């Protein structure tokens, strides 16, 4: 089956003992390779869980900021030339920037999840 590959005493013949030892070596190597694949799967699963938690956190934060933006928009000052309006506009722009940044982070996390 394996030719002279397992002829450990180099007598030109593979006896039953040498054949058994050789087969056990091959089988143990196969088990190690399977264990390595299992470890990789576990690492991927751990990474995926961490990314899912990060995604949930980012989405919660995004929802909170969107609620704040909605509340802020409801309180838009009447006079667009007033100091209050300028302050309102700066707050609105800051919130929109934070929302855009979170959306970008969410997209990055989703991309990482797809790569796993």
PDB file of N, CA and C in Angstrom:
ATOM      1  N   UNK A   1       0.825  -1.193   0.000  1.00  0.00           N
ATOM      2  CA  UNK A   1       0.000   0.000   0.000  1.00  0.00           C
ATOM      3  C   UNK A   1       0.865   1.252   0.000  1.00  0.00           C
ATOM      4  N   UNK A   2       1.841   1.338   0.894  1.00  0.00           N
ATOM      5  CA  UNK A   2       2.718   2.509   0.960  1.00  0.00           C
ATOM      6  C   UNK A   2       4.098   2.206   0.397  1.00  0.00           C
ATOM      7  N   UNK A   3       4.257   1.098  -0.291  1.00  0.00           N
ATOM      8  CA  UNK A   3       5.547   0.727  -0.847  1.00  0.00           C
ATOM      9  C   UNK A   3       6.551   0.532   0.276  1.00  0.00           C
ATOM     10  N   UNK A   4       7.747   1.010   0.107  1.00  0.00           N
ATOM     11  CA  UNK A   4       8.779   0.895   1.133  1.00  0.00           C
ATOM     12  C   UNK A   4       8.836   2.098   2.053  1.00  0.00           C
ATOM     13  N   UNK A   5       7.808   2.914   2.038  1.00  0.00           N
ATOM     14  CA  UNK A   5       7.804   4.141   2.815  1.00  0.00           C
ATOM     15  C   UNK A   5       7.975   3.881   4.306  1.00  0.00           C
ATOM     16  N   UNK A   6       7.377   2.784   4.799  1.00  0.00           N
ATOM     17  CA  UNK A   6       7.443   2.509   6.234  1.00  0.00           C
ATOM     18  C   UNK A   6       8.411   1.357   6.550  1.00  0.00           C
ATOM     19  N   UNK A   7       9.384   1.154   5.716  1.00  0.00           N
ATOM     20  CA  UNK A   7      10.417   0.148   5.975  1.00  0.00           C
ATOM     21  C   UNK A   7      11.452   0.776   6.906  1.00  0.00           C
ATOM     22  N   UNK A   8      11.114   0.786   8.205  1.00  0.00           N
ATOM     23  CA  UNK A   8      11.931   1.502   9.185  1.00  0.00           C
ATOM     24  C   UNK A   8      13.280   0.834   9.444  1.00  0.00           C
ATOM     25  N   UNK A   9      13.380  -0.506   9.290  1.00  0.00           N
ATOM     26  CA  UNK A   9      14.660  -1.169   9.546  1.00  0.00           C
ATOM     27  C   UNK A   9      15.478  -1.351   8.273  1.00  0.00           C
ATOM     28  N   UNK A  10      14.970  -0.843   7.173  1.00  0.00           N
ATOM     29  CA  UNK A  10      15.650  -0.832   5.870  1.00  0.00           C
ATOM     30  C   UNK A  10      16.085  -2.214   5.402  1.00  0.00           C
ATOM     31  N   UNK A  11      15.227  -3.207   5.643  1.00  0.00           N
ATOM     32  CA  UNK A  11      15.544  -4.556   5.170  1.00  0.00           C
ATOM     33  C   UNK A  11      14.938  -4.840   3.804  1.00  0.00           C
ATOM     34  N   UNK A  12      14.296  -3.860   3.228  1.00  0.00           N
ATOM     35  CA  UNK A  12      13.714  -4.005   1.906  1.00  0.00           C
ATOM     36  C   UNK A  12      12.280  -4.503   1.927  1.00  0.00           C
ATOM     37  N   UNK A  13      11.765  -4.840   3.106  1.00  0.00           N
ATOM     38  CA  UNK A  13      10.392  -5.317   3.223  1.00  0.00           C
ATOM     39  C   UNK A  13       9.691  -4.562   4.350  1.00  0.00           C
ATOM     40  N   UNK A  14       8.402  -4.353   4.177  1.00  0.00           N
ATOM     41  CA  UNK A  14       7.610  -3.710   5.220  1.00  0.00           C
ATOM     42  C   UNK A  14       6.793  -4.797   5.890  1.00  0.00           C
ATOM     43  N   UNK A  15       7.168  -5.143   7.133  1.00  0.00           N
ATOM     44  CA  UNK A  15       6.412  -6.180   7.843  1.00  0.00           C
ATOM     45  C   UNK A  15       5.163  -5.579   8.472  1.00  0.00           C
ATOM     46  N   UNK A  16       4.361  -6.415   9.108  1.00  0.00           N
ATOM     47  CA  UNK A  16       3.084  -5.984   9.679  1.00  0.00           C
ATOM     48  C   UNK A  16       3.283  -4.913  10.743  1.00  0.00           C
ATOM     49  N   UNK A  17       4.318  -5.049  11.560  1.00  0.00           N
ATOM     50  CA  UNK A  17       4.565  -4.061  12.615  1.00  0.00           C
ATOM     51  C   UNK A  17       4.897  -2.697  12.005  1.00  0.00           C
ATOM     52  N   UNK A  18       5.797  -2.682  11.020  1.00  0.00           N
ATOM     53  CA  UNK A  18       6.168  -1.420  10.371  1.00  0.00           C
ATOM     54  C   UNK A  18       4.957  -0.797   9.673  1.00  0.00           C
ATOM     55  N   UNK A  19       4.145  -1.650   9.051  1.00  0.00           N
ATOM     56  CA  UNK A  19       2.938  -1.164   8.383  1.00  0.00           C
ATOM     57  C   UNK A  19       1.981  -0.543   9.410  1.00  0.00           C
ATOM     58  N   UNK A  20       1.800  -1.190  10.554  1.00  0.00           N
ATOM     59  CA  UNK A  20       0.899  -0.687  11.597  1.00  0.00           C
ATOM     60  C   UNK A  20       1.399   0.641  12.148  1.00  0.00           C
ATOM     61  N   UNK A  21       2.732   0.726  12.387  1.00  0.00           N
ATOM     62  CA  UNK A  21       3.302   1.985  12.895  1.00  0.00           C
ATOM     63  C   UNK A  21       3.116   3.093  11.863  1.00  0.00           C
ATOM     64  N   UNK A  22       3.348   2.791  10.612  1.00  0.00           N
ATOM     65  CA  UNK A  22       3.198   3.784   9.553  1.00  0.00           C
ATOM     66  C   UNK A  22       1.770   4.287   9.430  1.00  0.00           C
ATOM     67  N   UNK A  23       0.823   3.355   9.477  1.00  0.00           N
ATOM     68  CA  UNK A  23      -0.586   3.744   9.390  1.00  0.00           C
ATOM     69  C   UNK A  23      -0.966   4.603  10.590  1.00  0.00           C
ATOM     70  N   UNK A  24      -0.484   4.237  11.783  1.00  0.00           N
ATOM     71  CA  UNK A  24      -0.814   5.043  12.965  1.00  0.00           C
ATOM     72  C   UNK A  24      -0.228   6.449  12.854  1.00  0.00           C
ATOM     73  N   UNK A  25       0.948   6.576  12.255  1.00  0.00           N
ATOM     74  CA  UNK A  25       1.543   7.904  12.056  1.00  0.00           C
ATOM     75  C   UNK A  25       0.675   8.725  11.113  1.00  0.00           C
ATOM     76  N   UNK A  26       0.247   8.108  10.018  1.00  0.00           N
ATOM     77  CA  UNK A  26      -0.595   8.829   9.043  1.00  0.00           C
ATOM     78  C   UNK A  26      -1.903   9.250   9.690  1.00  0.00           C
ATOM     79  N   UNK A  27      -2.518   8.352  10.444  1.00  0.00           N
ATOM     80  CA  UNK A  27      -3.774   8.682  11.097  1.00  0.00           C
ATOM     81  C   UNK A  27      -3.605   9.793  12.121  1.00  0.00           C
ATOM     82  N   UNK A  28      -2.509   9.765  12.884  1.00  0.00           N
ATOM     83  CA  UNK A  28      -2.292  10.816  13.885  1.00  0.00           C
ATOM     84  C   UNK A  28      -2.052  12.162  13.212  1.00  0.00           C
ATOM     85  N   UNK A  29      -1.382  12.161  12.072  1.00  0.00           N
ATOM     86  CA  UNK A  29      -1.185  13.420  11.339  1.00  0.00           C
ATOM     87  C   UNK A  29      -2.520  13.960  10.846  1.00  0.00           C
ATOM     88  N   UNK A  30      -3.393  13.073  10.411  1.00  0.00           N
ATOM     89  CA  UNK A  30      -4.726  13.494   9.977  1.00  0.00           C
ATOM     90  C   UNK A  30      -5.527  14.082  11.118  1.00  0.00           C
ATOM     91  N   UNK A  31      -5.400  13.496  12.319  1.00  0.00           N
ATOM     92  CA  UNK A  31      -6.108  14.019  13.487  1.00  0.00           C
ATOM     93  C   UNK A  31      -5.581  15.398  13.869  1.00  0.00           C
ATOM     94  N   UNK A  32      -4.254  15.586  13.788  1.00  0.00           N
ATOM     95  CA  UNK A  32      -3.674  16.898  14.099  1.00  0.00           C
ATOM     96  C   UNK A  32      -4.164  17.950  13.114  1.00  0.00           C
ATOM     97  N   UNK A  33      -4.243  17.588  11.845  1.00  0.00           N
ATOM     98  CA  UNK A  33      -4.722  18.538  10.840  1.00  0.00           C
ATOM     99  C   UNK A  33      -6.177  18.894  11.108  1.00  0.00           C
ATOM    100  N   UNK A  34      -6.978  17.901  11.504  1.00  0.00           N
ATOM    101  CA  UNK A  34      -8.380  18.162  11.820  1.00  0.00           C
ATOM    102  C   UNK A  34      -8.496  19.072  13.041  1.00  0.00           C
ATOM    103  N   UNK A  35      -7.659  18.841  14.053  1.00  0.00           N
ATOM    104  CA  UNK A  35      -7.658  19.673  15.253  1.00  0.00           C
ATOM    105  C   UNK A  35      -7.281  21.107  14.905  1.00  0.00           C
ATOM    106  N   UNK A  36      -6.298  21.283  14.025  1.00  0.00           N
ATOM    107  CA  UNK A  36      -5.902  22.629  13.598  1.00  0.00           C
ATOM    108  C   UNK A  36      -7.062  23.332  12.908  1.00  0.00           C
ATOM    109  N   UNK A  37      -7.807  22.623  12.069  1.00  0.00           N
ATOM    110  CA  UNK A  37      -8.962  23.222  11.388  1.00  0.00           C
ATOM    111  C   UNK A  37     -10.034  23.596  12.400  1.00  0.00           C
ATOM    112  N   UNK A  38     -10.238  22.735  13.410  1.00  0.00           N
ATOM    113  CA  UNK A  38     -11.216  23.033  14.456  1.00  0.00           C
ATOM    114  C   UNK A  38     -10.816  24.286  15.215  1.00  0.00           C
ATOM    115  N   UNK A  39      -9.519  24.437  15.517  1.00  0.00           N
ATOM    116  CA  UNK A  39      -9.040  25.632  16.216  1.00  0.00           C
ATOM    117  C   UNK A  39      -9.264  26.876  15.378  1.00  0.00           C
ATOM    118  N   UNK A  40      -9.025  26.776  14.072  1.00  0.00           N
ATOM    119  CA  UNK A  40      -9.250  27.920  13.191  1.00  0.00           C
ATOM    120  C   UNK A  40     -10.722  28.298  13.181  1.00  0.00           C
ATOM    121  N   UNK A  41     -11.602  27.296  13.125  1.00  0.00           N
ATOM    122  CA  UNK A  41     -13.035  27.576  13.149  1.00  0.00           C
ATOM    123  C   UNK A  41     -13.408  28.286  14.443  1.00  0.00           C
ATOM    124  N   UNK A  42     -12.835  27.830  15.538  1.00  0.00           N
ATOM    125  CA  UNK A  42     -13.126  28.442  16.826  1.00  0.00           C
ATOM    126  C   UNK A  42     -12.650  29.890  16.843  1.00  0.00           C
ATOM    127  N   UNK A  43     -11.466  30.140  16.307  1.00  0.00           N
ATOM    128  CA  UNK A  43     -10.956  31.513  16.242  1.00  0.00           C
ATOM    129  C   UNK A  43     -11.875  32.390  15.406  1.00  0.00           C
ATOM    130  N   UNK A  44     -12.351  31.854  14.285  1.00  0.00           N
ATOM    131  CA  UNK A  44     -13.273  32.613  13.436  1.00  0.00           C
ATOM    132  C   UNK A  44     -14.584  32.883  14.158  1.00  0.00           C
ATOM    133  N   UNK A  45     -15.063  31.871  14.889  1.00  0.00           N
ATOM    134  CA  UNK A  45     -16.316  32.054  15.630  1.00  0.00           C
ATOM    135  C   UNK A  45     -16.167  33.123  16.707  1.00  0.00           C
ATOM    136  N   UNK A  46     -15.034  33.117  17.394  1.00  0.00           N
ATOM    137  CA  UNK A  46     -14.775  34.116  18.437  1.00  0.00           C
ATOM    138  C   UNK A  46     -14.705  35.503  17.813  1.00  0.00           C
ATOM    139  N   UNK A  47     -14.007  35.610  16.693  1.00  0.00           N
ATOM    140  CA  UNK A  47     -13.889  36.902  16.003  1.00  0.00           C
ATOM    141  C   UNK A  47     -15.257  37.379  15.531  1.00  0.00           C
ATOM    142  N   UNK A  48     -16.071  36.460  15.027  1.00  0.00           N
ATOM    143  CA  UNK A  48     -17.404  36.831  14.551  1.00  0.00           C
ATOM    144  C   UNK A  48     -18.278  37.316  15.700  1.00  0.00           C
ATOM    145  N   UNK A  49     -18.208  36.641  16.842  1.00  0.00           N
ATOM    146  CA  UNK A  49     -18.989  37.071  18.005  1.00  0.00           C
ATOM    147  C   UNK A  49     -18.572  38.461  18.463  1.00  0.00           C
ATOM    148  N   UNK A  50     -17.264  38.720  18.470  1.00  0.00           N
ATOM    149  CA  UNK A  50     -16.768  40.037  18.873  1.00  0.00           C
ATOM    150  C   UNK A  50     -17.260  41.113  17.908  1.00  0.00           C
ATOM    151  N   UNK A  51     -17.233  40.800  16.613  1.00  0.00           N
ATOM    152  CA  UNK A  51     -17.707  41.759  15.619  1.00  0.00           C
ATOM    153  C   UNK A  51     -19.211  41.995  15.752  1.00  0.00           C
ATOM    154  N   UNK A  52     -19.961  40.939  16.054  1.00  0.00           N
ATOM    155  CA  UNK A  52     -21.405  41.097  16.243  1.00  0.00           C
ATOM    156  C   UNK A  52     -21.702  41.995  17.442  1.00  0.00           C
ATOM    157  N   UNK A  53     -20.941  41.821  18.520  1.00  0.00           N
ATOM    158  CA  UNK A  53     -21.119  42.677  19.700  1.00  0.00           C
ATOM    159  C   UNK A  53     -20.777  44.125  19.373  1.00  0.00           C
ATOM    160  N   UNK A  54     -19.686  44.309  18.631  1.00  0.00           N
ATOM    161  CA  UNK A  54     -19.288  45.666  18.240  1.00  0.00           C
ATOM    162  C   UNK A  54     -20.358  46.291  17.354  1.00  0.00           C
ATOM    163  N   UNK A  55     -20.896  45.508  16.426  1.00  0.00           N
ATOM    164  CA  UNK A  55     -21.938  46.004  15.532  1.00  0.00           C
ATOM    165  C   UNK A  55     -23.183  46.411  16.317  1.00  0.00           C
ATOM    166  N   UNK A  56     -23.592  45.582  17.266  1.00  0.00           N
ATOM    167  CA  UNK A  56     -24.753  45.909  18.097  1.00  0.00           C
ATOM    168  C   UNK A  56     -24.537  47.214  18.849  1.00  0.00           C
ATOM    169  N   UNK A  57     -23.350  47.364  19.410  1.00  0.00           N
ATOM    170  CA  UNK A  57     -23.031  48.575  20.161  1.00  0.00           C
ATOM    171  C   UNK A  57     -23.067  49.811  19.259  1.00  0.00           C
ATOM    172  N   UNK A  58     -22.470  49.696  18.080  1.00  0.00           N
ATOM    173  CA  UNK A  58     -22.457  50.823  17.140  1.00  0.00           C
ATOM    174  C   UNK A  58     -23.868  51.168  16.677  1.00  0.00           C
ATOM    175  N   UNK A  59     -24.680  50.150  16.430  1.00  0.00           N
ATOM    176  CA  UNK A  59     -26.051  50.410  15.989  1.00  0.00           C
ATOM    177  C   UNK A  59     -26.871  51.073  17.092  1.00  0.00           C
ATOM    178  N   UNK A  60     -26.642  50.670  18.343  1.00  0.00           N
ATOM    179  CA  UNK A  60     -27.329  51.323  19.462  1.00  0.00           C
ATOM    180  C   UNK A  60     -26.928  52.787  19.567  1.00  0.00           C
ATOM    181  N   UNK A  61     -25.625  53.024  19.434  1.00  0.00           N
ATOM    182  CA  UNK A  61     -25.125  54.402  19.503  1.00  0.00           C
ATOM    183  C   UNK A  61     -25.686  55.230  18.339  1.00  0.00           C
ATOM    184  N   UNK A  62     -25.754  54.628  17.162  1.00  0.00           N
ATOM    185  CA  UNK A  62     -26.314  55.317  15.993  1.00  0.00           C
ATOM    186  C   UNK A  62     -27.779  55.673  16.232  1.00  0.00           C
ATOM    187  N   UNK A  63     -28.523  54.743  16.768  1.00  0.00           N
ATOM    188  CA  UNK A  63     -29.941  54.997  17.050  1.00  0.00           C
ATOM    189  C   UNK A  63     -30.108  56.153  18.033  1.00  0.00           C
ATOM    190  N   UNK A  64     -29.267  56.181  19.075  1.00  0.00           N
ATOM    191  CA  UNK A  64     -29.318  57.275  20.048  1.00  0.00           C
ATOM    192  C   UNK A  64     -29.027  58.622  19.380  1.00  0.00           C
ATOM    193  N   UNK A  65     -28.001  58.662  18.532  1.00  0.00           N
ATOM    194  CA  UNK A  65     -27.652  59.918  17.858  1.00  0.00           C
ATOM    195  C   UNK A  65     -28.745  60.352  16.886  1.00  0.00           C
ATOM    196  N   UNK A  66     -29.346  59.403  16.206  1.00  0.00           N
ATOM    197  CA  UNK A  66     -30.434  59.755  15.289  1.00  0.00           C
ATOM    198  C   UNK A  66     -31.631  60.315  16.063  1.00  0.00           C
ATOM    199  N   UNK A  67     -31.894  59.760  17.246  1.00  0.00           N
ATOM    200  CA  UNK A  67     -32.959  60.302  18.094  1.00  0.00           C
ATOM    201  C   UNK A  67     -32.641  61.725  18.529  1.00  0.00           C
ATOM    202  N   UNK A  68     -31.383  61.964  18.909  1.00  0.00           N
ATOM    203  CA  UNK A  68     -30.972  63.307  19.321  1.00  0.00           C
ATOM    204  C   UNK A  68     -31.097  64.286  18.151  1.00  0.00           C
ATOM    205  N   UNK A  69     -30.713  63.852  16.975  1.00  0.00           N
ATOM    206  CA  UNK A  69     -30.819  64.711  15.794  1.00  0.00           C
ATOM    207  C   UNK A  69     -32.278  65.039  15.507  1.00  0.00           C
ATOM    208  N   UNK A  70     -33.132  64.047  15.609  1.00  0.00           N
ATOM    209  CA  UNK A  70     -34.560  64.276  15.383  1.00  0.00           C
ATOM    210  C   UNK A  70     -35.117  65.284  16.394  1.00  0.00           C
ATOM    211  N   UNK A  71     -34.738  65.110  17.663  1.00  0.00           N
ATOM    212  CA  UNK A  71     -35.181  66.062  18.696  1.00  0.00           C
ATOM    213  C   UNK A  71     -34.659  67.460  18.409  1.00  0.00           C
ATOM    214  N   UNK A  72     -33.399  67.546  17.996  1.00  0.00           N
ATOM    215  CA  UNK A  72     -32.796  68.837  17.702  1.00  0.00           C
ATOM    216  C   UNK A  72     -33.506  69.508  16.521  1.00  0.00           C
ATOM    217  N   UNK A  73     -33.819  68.728  15.497  1.00  0.00           N
ATOM    218  CA  UNK A  73     -34.501  69.293  14.328  1.00  0.00           C
ATOM    219  C   UNK A  73     -35.888  69.825  14.692  1.00  0.00           C
ATOM    220  N   UNK A  74     -36.520  69.174  15.673  1.00  0.00           N
ATOM    221  CA  UNK A  74     -37.829  69.646  16.136  1.00  0.00           C
ATOM    222  C   UNK A  74     -37.727  71.002  16.839  1.00  0.00           C
ATOM    223  N   UNK A  75     -36.537  71.327  17.317  1.00  0.00           N
ATOM    224  CA  UNK A  75     -36.335  72.575  18.068  1.00  0.00           C
ATOM    225  C   UNK A  75     -35.613  73.642  17.249  1.00  0.00           C
ATOM    226  N   UNK A  76     -35.735  73.572  15.940  1.00  0.00           N
ATOM    227  CA  UNK A  76     -35.071  74.552  15.072  1.00  0.00           C
ATOM    228  C   UNK A  76     -35.613  75.950  15.356  1.00  0.00           C
ATOM    229  N   UNK A  77     -34.700  76.884  15.627  1.00  0.00           N
ATOM    230  CA  UNK A  77     -35.139  78.270  15.897  1.00  0.00           C
ATOM    231  C   UNK A  77     -35.805  78.883  14.658  1.00  0.00           C
ATOM    232  N   UNK A  78     -36.735  79.769  14.912  1.00  0.00           N
ATOM    233  CA  UNK A  78     -37.492  80.433  13.840  1.00  0.00           C
ATOM    234  C   UNK A  78     -36.612  81.378  13.027  1.00  0.00           C
ATOM    235  N   UNK A  79     -35.804  82.164  13.725  1.00  0.00           N
ATOM    236  CA  UNK A  79     -35.002  83.209  13.081  1.00  0.00           C
ATOM    237  C   UNK A  79     -33.656  82.619  12.643  1.00  0.00           C
ATOM    238  N   UNK A  80     -33.490  82.413  11.341  1.00  0.00           N
ATOM    239  CA  UNK A  80     -32.262  81.791  10.835  1.00  0.00           C
ATOM    240  C   UNK A  80     -31.071  82.744  10.847  1.00  0.00           C
ATOM    241  N   UNK A  81     -31.270  83.989  11.247  1.00  0.00           N
ATOM    242  CA  UNK A  81     -30.150  84.936  11.331  1.00  0.00           C
ATOM    243  C   UNK A  81     -29.700  85.135  12.777  1.00  0.00           C
ATOM    244  N   UNK A  82     -30.312  84.462  13.721  1.00  0.00           N
ATOM    245  CA  UNK A  82     -29.989  84.677  15.138  1.00  0.00           C
ATOM    246  C   UNK A  82     -28.774  83.847  15.569  1.00  0.00           C
ATOM    247  N   UNK A  83     -28.221  84.235  16.705  1.00  0.00           N
ATOM    248  CA  UNK A  83     -27.108  83.509  17.311  1.00  0.00           C
ATOM    249  C   UNK A  83     -27.571  82.105  17.715  1.00  0.00           C
ATOM    250  N   UNK A  84     -28.792  82.010  18.198  1.00  0.00           N
ATOM    251  CA  UNK A  84     -29.352  80.713  18.598  1.00  0.00           C
ATOM    252  C   UNK A  84     -29.411  79.752  17.406  1.00  0.00           C
ATOM    253  N   UNK A  85     -29.758  80.302  16.239  1.00  0.00           N
ATOM    254  CA  UNK A  85     -29.829  79.459  15.040  1.00  0.00           C
ATOM    255  C   UNK A  85     -28.435  78.965  14.654  1.00  0.00           C
ATOM    256  N   UNK A  86     -27.435  79.834  14.737  1.00  0.00           N
ATOM    257  CA  UNK A  86     -26.062  79.453  14.401  1.00  0.00           C
ATOM    258  C   UNK A  86     -25.584  78.346  15.344  1.00  0.00           C
ATOM    259  N   UNK A  87     -25.900  78.487  16.621  1.00  0.00           N
ATOM    260  CA  UNK A  87     -25.520  77.476  17.612  1.00  0.00           C
ATOM    261  C   UNK A  87     -26.261  76.157  17.308  1.00  0.00           C
ATOM    262  N   UNK A  88     -27.542  76.231  16.982  1.00  0.00           N
ATOM    263  CA  UNK A  88     -28.342  75.064  16.637  1.00  0.00           C
ATOM    264  C   UNK A  88     -27.763  74.362  15.400  1.00  0.00           C
ATOM    265  N   UNK A  89     -27.391  75.182  14.421  1.00  0.00           N
ATOM    266  CA  UNK A  89     -26.848  74.630  13.180  1.00  0.00           C
ATOM    267  C   UNK A  89     -25.517  73.898  13.423  1.00  0.00           C
ATOM    268  N   UNK A  90     -24.663  74.472  14.282  1.00  0.00           N
ATOM    269  CA  UNK A  90     -23.386  73.810  14.611  1.00  0.00           C
ATOM    270  C   UNK A  90     -23.629  72.474  15.309  1.00  0.00           C
ATOM    271  N   UNK A  91     -24.561  72.452  16.236  1.00  0.00           N
ATOM    272  CA  UNK A  91     -24.902  71.200  16.933  1.00  0.00           C
ATOM    273  C   UNK A  91     -25.436  70.162  15.945  1.00  0.00           C
ATOM    274  N   UNK A  92     -26.267  70.616  15.021  1.00  0.00           N
ATOM    275  CA  UNK A  92     -26.848  69.713  14.016  1.00  0.00           C
ATOM    276  C   UNK A  92     -25.746  69.137  13.118  1.00  0.00           C
ATOM    277  N   UNK A  93     -24.843  69.991  12.668  1.00  0.00           N
ATOM    278  CA  UNK A  93     -23.745  69.527  11.814  1.00  0.00           C
ATOM    279  C   UNK A  93     -22.839  68.546  12.558  1.00  0.00           C
ATOM    280  N   UNK A  94     -22.592  68.822  13.839  1.00  0.00           N
ATOM    281  CA  UNK A  94     -21.754  67.939  14.649  1.00  0.00           C
ATOM    282  C   UNK A  94     -22.429  66.564  14.784  1.00  0.00           C
ATOM    283  N   UNK A  95     -23.732  66.561  15.062  1.00  0.00           N
ATOM    284  CA  UNK A  95     -24.459  65.294  15.162  1.00  0.00           C
ATOM    285  C   UNK A  95     -24.463  64.536  13.825  1.00  0.00           C
ATOM    286  N   UNK A  96     -24.668  65.256  12.736  1.00  0.00           N
ATOM    287  CA  UNK A  96     -24.651  64.615  11.415  1.00  0.00           C
ATOM    288  C   UNK A  96     -23.278  64.016  11.113  1.00  0.00           C
ATOM    289  N   UNK A  97     -22.223  64.705  11.510  1.00  0.00           N
ATOM    290  CA  UNK A  97     -20.871  64.179  11.326  1.00  0.00           C
ATOM    291  C   UNK A  97     -20.636  62.919  12.152  1.00  0.00           C
ATOM    292  N   UNK A  98     -21.115  62.932  13.384  1.00  0.00           N
ATOM    293  CA  UNK A  98     -20.980  61.761  14.247  1.00  0.00           C
ATOM    294  C   UNK A  98     -21.773  60.584  13.674  1.00  0.00           C
ATOM    295  N   UNK A  99     -22.949  60.863  13.137  1.00  0.00           N
ATOM    296  CA  UNK A  99     -23.769  59.815  12.527  1.00  0.00           C
ATOM    297  C   UNK A  99     -23.060  59.233  11.307  1.00  0.00           C
ATOM    298  N   UNK A 100     -22.501  60.097  10.477  1.00  0.00           N
ATOM    299  CA  UNK A 100     -21.784  59.631   9.284  1.00  0.00           C
ATOM    300  C   UNK A 100     -20.596  58.759   9.679  1.00  0.00           C
ATOM    301  N   UNK A 101     -19.873  59.153  10.725  1.00  0.00           N
ATOM    302  CA  UNK A 101     -18.724  58.375  11.192  1.00  0.00           C
ATOM    303  C   UNK A 101     -19.177  56.996  11.692  1.00  0.00           C
ATOM    304  N   UNK A 102     -20.256  56.968  12.459  1.00  0.00           N
ATOM    305  CA  UNK A 102     -20.784  55.682  12.948  1.00  0.00           C
ATOM    306  C   UNK A 102     -21.238  54.795  11.793  1.00  0.00           C
ATOM    307  N   UNK A 103     -21.888  55.379  10.813  1.00  0.00           N
ATOM    308  CA  UNK A 103     -22.325  54.594   9.651  1.00  0.00           C
ATOM    309  C   UNK A 103     -21.118  54.001   8.920  1.00  0.00           C
ATOM    310  N   UNK A 104     -20.042  54.756   8.851  1.00  0.00           N
ATOM    311  CA  UNK A 104     -18.812  54.257   8.235  1.00  0.00           C
ATOM    312  C   UNK A 104     -18.225  53.106   9.056  1.00  0.00           C
ATOM    313  N   UNK A 105     -18.213  53.254  10.382  1.00  0.00           N
ATOM    314  CA  UNK A 105     -17.704  52.193  11.245  1.00  0.00           C
ATOM    315  C   UNK A 105     -18.560  50.938  11.129  1.00  0.00           C
ATOM    316  N   UNK A 106     -19.865  51.111  11.065  1.00  0.00           N
ATOM    317  CA  UNK A 106     -20.781  49.975  10.912  1.00  0.00           C
ATOM    318  C   UNK A 106     -20.498  49.252   9.596  1.00  0.00           C
ATOM    319  N   UNK A 107     -20.300  50.004   8.538  1.00  0.00           N
ATOM    320  CA  UNK A 107     -19.993  49.420   7.242  1.00  0.00           C
ATOM    321  C   UNK A 107     -18.682  48.632   7.292  1.00  0.00           C
ATOM    322  N   UNK A 108     -17.678  49.179   7.977  1.00  0.00           N
ATOM    323  CA  UNK A 108     -16.387  48.484   8.115  1.00  0.00           C
ATOM    324  C   UNK A 108     -16.550  47.168   8.873  1.00  0.00           C
ATOM    325  N   UNK A 109     -17.314  47.185   9.949  1.00  0.00           N
ATOM    326  CA  UNK A 109     -17.536  45.970  10.739  1.00  0.00           C
ATOM    327  C   UNK A 109     -18.288  44.933   9.904  1.00  0.00           C
ATOM    328  N   UNK A 110     -19.303  45.381   9.165  1.00  0.00           N
ATOM    329  CA  UNK A 110     -20.048  44.447   8.308  1.00  0.00           C
ATOM    330  C   UNK A 110     -19.146  43.829   7.248  1.00  0.00           C
ATOM    331  N   UNK A 111     -18.227  44.620   6.696  1.00  0.00           N
ATOM    332  CA  UNK A 111     -17.271  44.092   5.718  1.00  0.00           C
ATOM    333  C   UNK A 111     -16.376  43.037   6.345  1.00  0.00           C
ATOM    334  N   UNK A 112     -15.906  43.301   7.562  1.00  0.00           N
ATOM    335  CA  UNK A 112     -15.066  42.330   8.274  1.00  0.00           C
ATOM    336  C   UNK A 112     -15.828  41.047   8.547  1.00  0.00           C
ATOM    337  N   UNK A 113     -17.106  41.178   8.882  1.00  0.00           N
ATOM    338  CA  UNK A 113     -17.929  39.984   9.140  1.00  0.00           C
ATOM    339  C   UNK A 113     -18.095  39.147   7.882  1.00  0.00           C
ATOM    340  N   UNK A 114     -18.241  39.804   6.751  1.00  0.00           N
ATOM    341  CA  UNK A 114     -18.382  39.076   5.478  1.00  0.00           C
ATOM    342  C   UNK A 114     -17.099  38.345   5.120  1.00  0.00           C
ATOM    343  N   UNK A 115     -15.945  38.914   5.504  1.00  0.00           N
ATOM    344  CA  UNK A 115     -14.661  38.309   5.189  1.00  0.00           C
ATOM    345  C   UNK A 115     -14.390  37.036   5.988  1.00  0.00           C
ATOM    346  N   UNK A 116     -15.109  36.876   7.117  1.00  0.00           N
ATOM    347  CA  UNK A 116     -14.884  35.669   7.934  1.00  0.00           C
ATOM    348  C   UNK A 116     -15.557  34.474   7.384  1.00  0.00           C
TER     349      UNK A 116
END
